[in-house]
Amino acid sequence: MGETSTKPYLIRALHEWCTDNGYTPYITVQVDEHTMVPVAHVRDGQITLNVGTLATNRLVLGNEFIEFQARFSGVTENVYVPVGAVSAIYARETGAGMGFEVQPYEPPEAGAQGTAAAAAPEGSDAAAPGDDGGDDDEPKRPRLTIVK
C-alpha cells in the first residue's frame, strides 16, 4: 500500500484553523461526474462551498471524501465531494488558505467498503451514496438523513 496523501490532513488542519480564529472556511471544488453537488450553483465547472460549522450538518472531512448536508436556496441538499477534486480551502474573511492540484478520481482499492456507490457515475444503476442499496449482506456506508 502506498503512502497516503497529505491533502485531506491539510484540509482538516486549515478548516480547524479557520474555525478557531472565527473565520468561515470555504472550499473550491472542480465538479465532475464523481461529485454530488447542486448543479444549479456550479459555475465554469467549479463550485465554492461554505464548510463552516454553522452552514453544514453532519460534516465529515474524510481522507477520500468530504460529505455534509447544507441548504441551497432554502432546500437541504446532500453534498459529496472527492478530496482530490478540492482545488482550495481558505478563510472567506481574509483569503488566507491553500491551493491544491486537482487530482483525477481514482476509486479506492477493491474490497473497501462503500466504493461501488461512490465510484458509480450519475445515472447508473448503482446505489447513490445516500441510498439504501437493499443488499443486507454487504456492510453499508453511513447515510445522510434529512431531519425536519
Protein backbone atom coordinates (compact mmCIF):
# COMPACT_ATOMS: atom_id res chain seq x y z
CA MET A 1 0.00 0.00 0.00
CA GLY A 2 1.34 3.42 -0.95
CA GLU A 3 1.75 6.44 1.23
CA THR A 4 -1.44 8.40 1.92
CA SER A 5 -1.89 11.88 0.54
CA THR A 6 -1.28 14.90 2.79
CA LYS A 7 -4.17 16.78 1.15
CA PRO A 8 -7.02 15.60 3.45
CA TYR A 9 -4.88 16.31 6.52
CA LEU A 10 -4.10 19.83 5.31
CA ILE A 11 -7.78 20.45 4.55
CA ARG A 12 -8.75 19.36 8.07
CA ALA A 13 -5.98 21.48 9.61
CA LEU A 14 -6.96 24.62 7.70
CA HIS A 15 -10.64 24.02 8.47
CA GLU A 16 -9.76 23.85 12.18
CA TRP A 17 -7.55 26.96 11.92
CA CYS A 18 -10.38 28.94 10.26
CA THR A 19 -12.86 27.80 12.90
CA ASP A 20 -10.52 28.53 15.82
CA ASN A 21 -9.93 32.07 14.53
CA GLY A 22 -13.60 32.85 13.89
CA TYR A 23 -13.26 32.69 10.10
CA THR A 24 -15.57 30.97 7.64
CA PRO A 25 -13.84 28.08 5.80
CA TYR A 26 -14.68 27.80 2.11
CA ILE A 27 -13.57 25.09 -0.32
CA THR A 28 -13.44 25.37 -4.09
CA VAL A 29 -14.23 22.12 -5.90
CA GLN A 30 -13.72 21.05 -9.50
CA VAL A 31 -17.05 19.41 -10.38
CA ASP A 32 -17.14 16.17 -12.36
CA GLU A 33 -19.24 13.01 -12.50
CA HIS A 34 -17.91 11.89 -9.10
CA THR A 35 -19.08 14.97 -7.19
CA MET A 36 -22.58 15.27 -5.77
CA VAL A 37 -23.38 18.98 -5.51
CA PRO A 38 -26.35 21.16 -6.50
CA VAL A 39 -25.66 21.69 -10.21
CA ALA A 40 -27.58 24.99 -10.26
CA HIS A 41 -24.73 26.52 -8.26
CA VAL A 42 -21.88 25.26 -10.45
CA ARG A 43 -20.08 27.96 -12.45
CA ASP A 44 -17.42 27.18 -15.07
CA GLY A 45 -17.11 23.62 -13.78
CA GLN A 46 -16.44 24.73 -10.20
CA ILE A 47 -18.38 25.32 -7.03
CA THR A 48 -17.36 27.16 -3.89
CA LEU A 49 -18.84 25.73 -0.71
CA ASN A 50 -19.09 27.13 2.80
CA VAL A 51 -17.91 24.26 5.04
CA GLY A 52 -18.24 26.18 8.30
CA THR A 53 -19.93 24.55 11.27
CA LEU A 54 -22.91 26.92 11.06
CA ALA A 55 -23.50 26.21 7.36
CA THR A 56 -23.20 22.41 7.41
CA ASN A 57 -24.84 19.45 9.09
CA ARG A 58 -23.02 16.16 9.66
CA LEU A 59 -19.76 17.42 8.14
CA VAL A 60 -17.21 14.66 7.57
CA LEU A 61 -13.77 15.70 6.32
CA GLY A 62 -12.56 12.22 5.38
CA ASN A 63 -9.42 11.02 3.64
CA GLU A 64 -11.27 10.14 0.42
CA PHE A 65 -14.43 12.27 0.50
CA ILE A 66 -15.89 15.38 2.11
CA GLU A 67 -19.58 14.97 2.83
CA PHE A 68 -22.24 17.03 4.56
CA GLN A 69 -25.73 18.46 4.32
CA ALA A 70 -26.32 22.13 3.57
CA ARG A 71 -29.15 24.40 2.48
CA PHE A 72 -29.05 25.89 -1.00
CA SER A 73 -31.79 28.41 -1.80
CA GLY A 74 -33.74 27.09 1.18
CA VAL A 75 -33.52 23.42 0.14
CA THR A 76 -31.46 20.89 2.09
CA GLU A 77 -29.01 19.07 -0.18
CA ASN A 78 -26.52 16.27 0.39
CA VAL A 79 -23.02 17.19 -0.76
CA TYR A 80 -20.42 14.52 -1.54
CA VAL A 81 -17.03 15.61 -2.91
CA PRO A 82 -13.86 13.59 -3.58
CA VAL A 83 -10.92 15.16 -1.73
CA GLY A 84 -8.94 15.03 -4.99
CA ALA A 85 -11.43 17.46 -6.58
CA VAL A 86 -10.78 20.18 -3.96
CA SER A 87 -8.66 22.93 -5.51
CA ALA A 88 -8.51 25.27 -2.47
CA ILE A 89 -9.55 25.86 1.13
CA TYR A 90 -9.46 29.38 2.50
CA ALA A 91 -10.94 31.80 5.02
CA ARG A 92 -13.67 33.88 3.40
CA GLU A 93 -12.83 36.93 5.51
CA THR A 94 -9.09 37.09 4.80
CA GLY A 95 -8.46 34.86 1.79
CA ALA A 96 -5.74 33.05 3.77
CA GLY A 97 -5.57 29.38 2.90
CA MET A 98 -4.03 26.94 0.50
CA GLY A 99 -4.49 25.86 -3.10
CA PHE A 100 -4.12 22.29 -4.31
CA GLU A 101 -3.61 20.46 -7.56
CA VAL A 102 -6.83 18.75 -8.63
CA GLN A 103 -6.23 15.02 -8.90
CA PRO A 104 -8.24 12.75 -11.17
CA TYR A 105 -10.60 10.49 -9.27
CA GLU A 106 -9.25 7.02 -8.55
CA PRO A 107 -11.64 4.56 -6.93
CA PRO A 108 -10.35 3.08 -3.66
CA GLU A 109 -8.81 -0.37 -3.87
CA ALA A 110 -11.13 -3.36 -4.33
CA GLY A 111 -12.58 -4.68 -1.11
CA ALA A 112 -13.05 -1.27 0.52
CA GLN A 113 -16.50 -0.54 1.95
CA GLY A 114 -18.92 1.68 0.08
CA THR A 115 -16.76 2.07 -3.02
CA ALA A 116 -19.23 0.78 -5.60
CA ALA A 117 -21.76 3.52 -4.89
CA ALA A 118 -19.12 6.24 -4.64
CA ALA A 119 -17.44 5.28 -7.91
CA ALA A 120 -20.63 4.94 -9.94
CA PRO A 121 -21.29 7.80 -12.36
CA GLU A 122 -24.58 9.67 -12.21
CA GLY A 123 -27.44 7.96 -13.96
CA SER A 124 -26.03 4.46 -13.41
CA ASP A 125 -27.95 1.67 -11.74
CA ALA A 126 -25.59 1.58 -8.73
CA ALA A 127 -26.87 2.96 -5.45
CA ALA A 128 -26.12 6.60 -4.75
CA PRO A 129 -24.08 7.42 -1.62
CA GLY A 130 -27.21 8.10 0.45
CA ASP A 131 -29.29 5.22 -0.93
CA ASP A 132 -30.04 2.01 0.87
CA GLY A 133 -28.85 -0.49 -1.73
CA GLY A 134 -31.26 -3.15 -0.45
CA ASP A 135 -28.48 -5.77 -0.14
CA ASP A 136 -28.49 -6.78 3.52
CA ASP A 137 -25.36 -8.97 3.19
CA GLU A 138 -22.95 -6.12 2.46
CA PRO A 139 -21.86 -3.62 5.14
CA LYS A 140 -23.42 -0.23 4.44
CA ARG A 141 -21.84 3.18 4.40
CA PRO A 142 -23.32 5.72 6.79
CA ARG A 143 -26.06 7.64 5.02
CA LEU A 144 -27.32 11.15 5.35
CA THR A 145 -30.88 11.62 6.50
CA ILE A 146 -32.87 14.84 6.35
CA VAL A 147 -34.43 15.64 9.72
CA LYS A 148 -37.08 18.34 9.85
